[in-house]
Amino acid sequence: MDLNSPDAWRWIWLITAAAFSVAEVVTPQAFFFLPFAIGALLGAVLALAGVALGLEWVAFVVGTAAAYAVLWPIGRRLARGGPQHAIGANRWVGREALVMADIPAELGGTGLVRLDREQWRAESGARIAIPAGSTVLVTGVDGTRLVVLPLDVAPPTPIDKGAE
């Protein structure tokens, strides 16, 4: 194979573009090899047009750099999963709630909290008892229950001696 032959470089660029395209498909990193495939494809187009080898290489480097400049930010955004929007019950995460009924410390024990005008079952994310009247922070949603952490613990209610 004569590397000085324009016909050889047509095939080299096409095979290189195909190899980078396959590498892009099998690699979990978004848009890592695709810019190289685009640059090689640009080199192949110029080789088919009969342009000099030096210009083909310049087109490969410049095309790859330009493709990286465009695709890299998109790939990073896709790898992060994009912006997370609070939808459904997840809209409550990060909000404060008022404890209406004591939340026990044991695993799976639930109490009641009020967020805006809604009441939810809630469990303690720190596995500590949270008395009614406390302010809590919603840290997650587990099925139909909110997972909360205490922010402001209410003082214990005095026991009425006359009620005994």
Protein backbone atom coordinates (compact mmCIF):
# COMPACT_ATOMS: atom_id res chain seq x y z
CA MET A 1 0.00 0.00 0.00
CA ASP A 2 1.44 3.29 -1.10
CA LEU A 3 0.69 5.99 1.49
CA ASN A 4 1.53 8.68 -1.08
CA SER A 5 -1.39 7.57 -3.24
CA PRO A 6 -4.57 9.71 -3.01
CA ASP A 7 -6.64 6.55 -3.43
CA ALA A 8 -5.05 5.00 -0.29
CA TRP A 9 -5.89 8.05 1.82
CA ARG A 10 -9.52 7.93 0.73
CA TRP A 11 -9.78 4.48 2.27
CA ILE A 12 -7.70 5.40 5.32
CA TRP A 13 -10.01 8.34 6.11
CA LEU A 14 -13.17 6.28 5.56
CA ILE A 15 -11.93 3.39 7.71
CA THR A 16 -10.82 5.84 10.41
CA ALA A 17 -14.22 7.56 10.38
CA ALA A 18 -15.96 4.19 10.65
CA ALA A 19 -13.69 3.06 13.51
CA PHE A 20 -14.30 6.27 15.49
CA SER A 21 -18.04 5.94 14.85
CA VAL A 22 -18.06 2.40 16.24
CA ALA A 23 -15.97 3.52 19.21
CA GLU A 24 -18.51 6.28 19.90
CA VAL A 25 -21.37 3.78 19.92
CA VAL A 26 -19.68 1.37 22.36
CA THR A 27 -18.24 4.02 24.70
CA PRO A 28 -20.41 5.29 27.56
CA GLN A 29 -18.84 8.77 27.46
CA ALA A 30 -21.16 10.98 25.40
CA PHE A 31 -19.60 12.44 22.25
CA PHE A 32 -15.98 11.53 22.96
CA PHE A 33 -15.08 9.80 19.67
CA LEU A 34 -17.71 11.41 17.45
CA PRO A 35 -15.67 14.58 16.77
CA PHE A 36 -12.80 12.43 15.52
CA ALA A 37 -15.20 10.58 13.22
CA ILE A 38 -16.48 13.90 11.88
CA GLY A 39 -12.94 15.14 11.28
CA ALA A 40 -11.99 11.89 9.51
CA LEU A 41 -15.12 12.08 7.40
CA LEU A 42 -14.18 15.62 6.40
CA GLY A 43 -10.72 14.36 5.45
CA ALA A 44 -12.31 11.57 3.37
CA VAL A 45 -14.51 14.05 1.51
CA LEU A 46 -11.48 16.18 0.67
CA ALA A 47 -9.51 13.09 -0.36
CA LEU A 48 -12.34 12.10 -2.72
CA ALA A 49 -12.22 15.66 -4.13
CA GLY A 50 -8.50 15.23 -4.86
CA VAL A 51 -7.17 17.81 -2.37
CA ALA A 52 -3.53 17.56 -1.22
CA LEU A 53 -2.76 15.33 1.80
CA GLY A 54 -1.57 18.26 3.93
CA LEU A 55 -4.91 20.04 3.51
CA GLU A 56 -6.74 16.82 4.37
CA TRP A 57 -4.85 16.68 7.67
CA VAL A 58 -5.58 20.35 8.38
CA ALA A 59 -9.27 19.70 7.68
CA PHE A 60 -9.17 16.67 10.02
CA VAL A 61 -7.64 18.67 12.89
CA VAL A 62 -9.81 21.76 12.41
CA GLY A 63 -12.98 19.69 11.87
CA THR A 64 -12.29 17.63 14.98
CA ALA A 65 -11.65 20.75 17.08
CA ALA A 66 -14.81 22.44 15.80
CA ALA A 67 -16.88 19.32 16.44
CA TYR A 68 -15.47 19.11 19.99
CA ALA A 69 -16.33 22.75 20.59
CA VAL A 70 -19.93 22.08 19.60
CA LEU A 71 -20.49 18.56 20.95
CA TRP A 72 -18.52 18.56 24.22
CA PRO A 73 -20.92 20.87 26.14
CA ILE A 74 -23.89 18.89 24.85
CA GLY A 75 -22.25 15.61 25.90
CA ARG A 76 -21.51 16.91 29.39
CA ARG A 77 -25.09 18.06 29.80
CA LEU A 78 -26.38 14.67 28.66
CA ALA A 79 -23.97 12.82 30.95
CA ARG A 80 -25.30 14.76 33.94
CA GLY A 81 -28.81 13.83 32.99
CA GLY A 82 -29.90 17.36 32.27
CA PRO A 83 -31.67 19.64 34.65
CA GLN A 84 -33.72 17.89 37.31
CA HIS A 85 -37.19 19.32 37.50
CA ALA A 86 -39.31 18.90 40.58
CA ILE A 87 -42.38 17.08 39.36
CA GLY A 88 -45.05 15.11 41.16
CA ALA A 89 -44.28 14.42 44.80
CA ASN A 90 -40.62 15.35 44.25
CA ARG A 91 -41.69 18.99 44.26
CA TRP A 92 -41.76 18.79 48.06
CA VAL A 93 -38.05 17.92 48.42
CA GLY A 94 -36.20 20.82 50.01
CA ARG A 95 -39.36 22.33 51.53
CA GLU A 96 -40.17 22.81 55.20
CA ALA A 97 -43.16 21.11 56.83
CA LEU A 98 -44.89 21.19 60.18
CA VAL A 99 -45.20 17.93 62.15
CA MET A 100 -48.87 17.32 63.02
CA ALA A 101 -48.49 13.87 64.68
CA ASP A 102 -45.31 12.56 66.33
CA ILE A 103 -42.87 10.79 64.02
CA PRO A 104 -41.37 7.75 65.79
CA ALA A 105 -37.69 6.86 65.57
CA GLU A 106 -38.13 3.22 64.56
CA LEU A 107 -37.66 2.04 61.00
CA GLY A 108 -40.91 2.29 59.06
CA GLY A 109 -42.66 4.31 61.76
CA THR A 110 -44.65 7.20 60.38
CA GLY A 111 -46.26 10.37 61.64
CA LEU A 112 -48.08 13.20 59.89
CA VAL A 113 -46.69 16.42 58.44
CA ARG A 114 -48.44 19.32 56.74
CA LEU A 115 -47.03 21.01 53.65
CA ASP A 116 -49.06 23.95 52.45
CA ARG A 117 -52.60 22.55 52.62
CA GLU A 118 -51.72 18.86 52.24
CA GLN A 119 -51.05 16.26 54.91
CA TRP A 120 -48.52 13.51 54.28
CA ARG A 121 -47.27 10.47 56.15
CA ALA A 122 -43.64 11.06 57.06
CA GLU A 123 -40.77 9.07 58.47
CA SER A 124 -37.61 10.28 60.14
CA GLY A 125 -34.58 10.14 57.86
CA ALA A 126 -32.25 10.35 60.89
CA ARG A 127 -34.11 7.61 62.82
CA ILE A 128 -34.81 9.97 65.72
CA ALA A 129 -38.21 10.76 67.18
CA ILE A 130 -39.67 14.09 66.08
CA PRO A 131 -42.48 15.49 68.25
CA ALA A 132 -45.60 17.21 66.92
CA GLY A 133 -45.18 20.95 66.46
CA SER A 134 -41.60 20.60 65.13
CA THR A 135 -40.45 22.00 61.83
CA VAL A 136 -38.85 19.48 59.46
CA LEU A 137 -37.05 19.56 56.12
CA VAL A 138 -38.28 17.17 53.43
CA THR A 139 -35.23 15.30 52.08
CA GLY A 140 -36.92 12.70 49.92
CA VAL A 141 -40.03 10.84 48.88
CA ASP A 142 -40.36 7.10 49.52
CA GLY A 143 -43.50 5.85 47.84
CA THR A 144 -46.35 7.73 49.52
CA ARG A 145 -44.26 8.88 52.50
CA LEU A 146 -42.00 11.87 52.89
CA VAL A 147 -38.56 11.40 54.44
CA VAL A 148 -37.81 14.30 56.79
CA LEU A 149 -35.08 15.67 59.02
CA PRO A 150 -35.77 17.87 62.06
CA LEU A 151 -34.97 21.57 61.73
CA ASP A 152 -36.64 23.02 64.78
CA VAL A 153 -37.75 20.56 67.48
CA ALA A 154 -40.82 21.60 69.47
CA PRO A 155 -40.56 21.57 73.26
CA PRO A 156 -42.26 18.60 74.93
CA THR A 157 -45.87 19.19 75.90
CA PRO A 158 -46.48 19.21 79.65
CA ILE A 159 -48.49 16.34 81.09
CA ASP A 160 -51.77 17.53 82.60
CA LYS A 161 -51.92 16.08 86.17
CA GLY A 162 -55.65 16.61 86.38
CA ALA A 163 -56.33 14.39 83.34
CA GLU A 164 -54.93 11.28 85.03
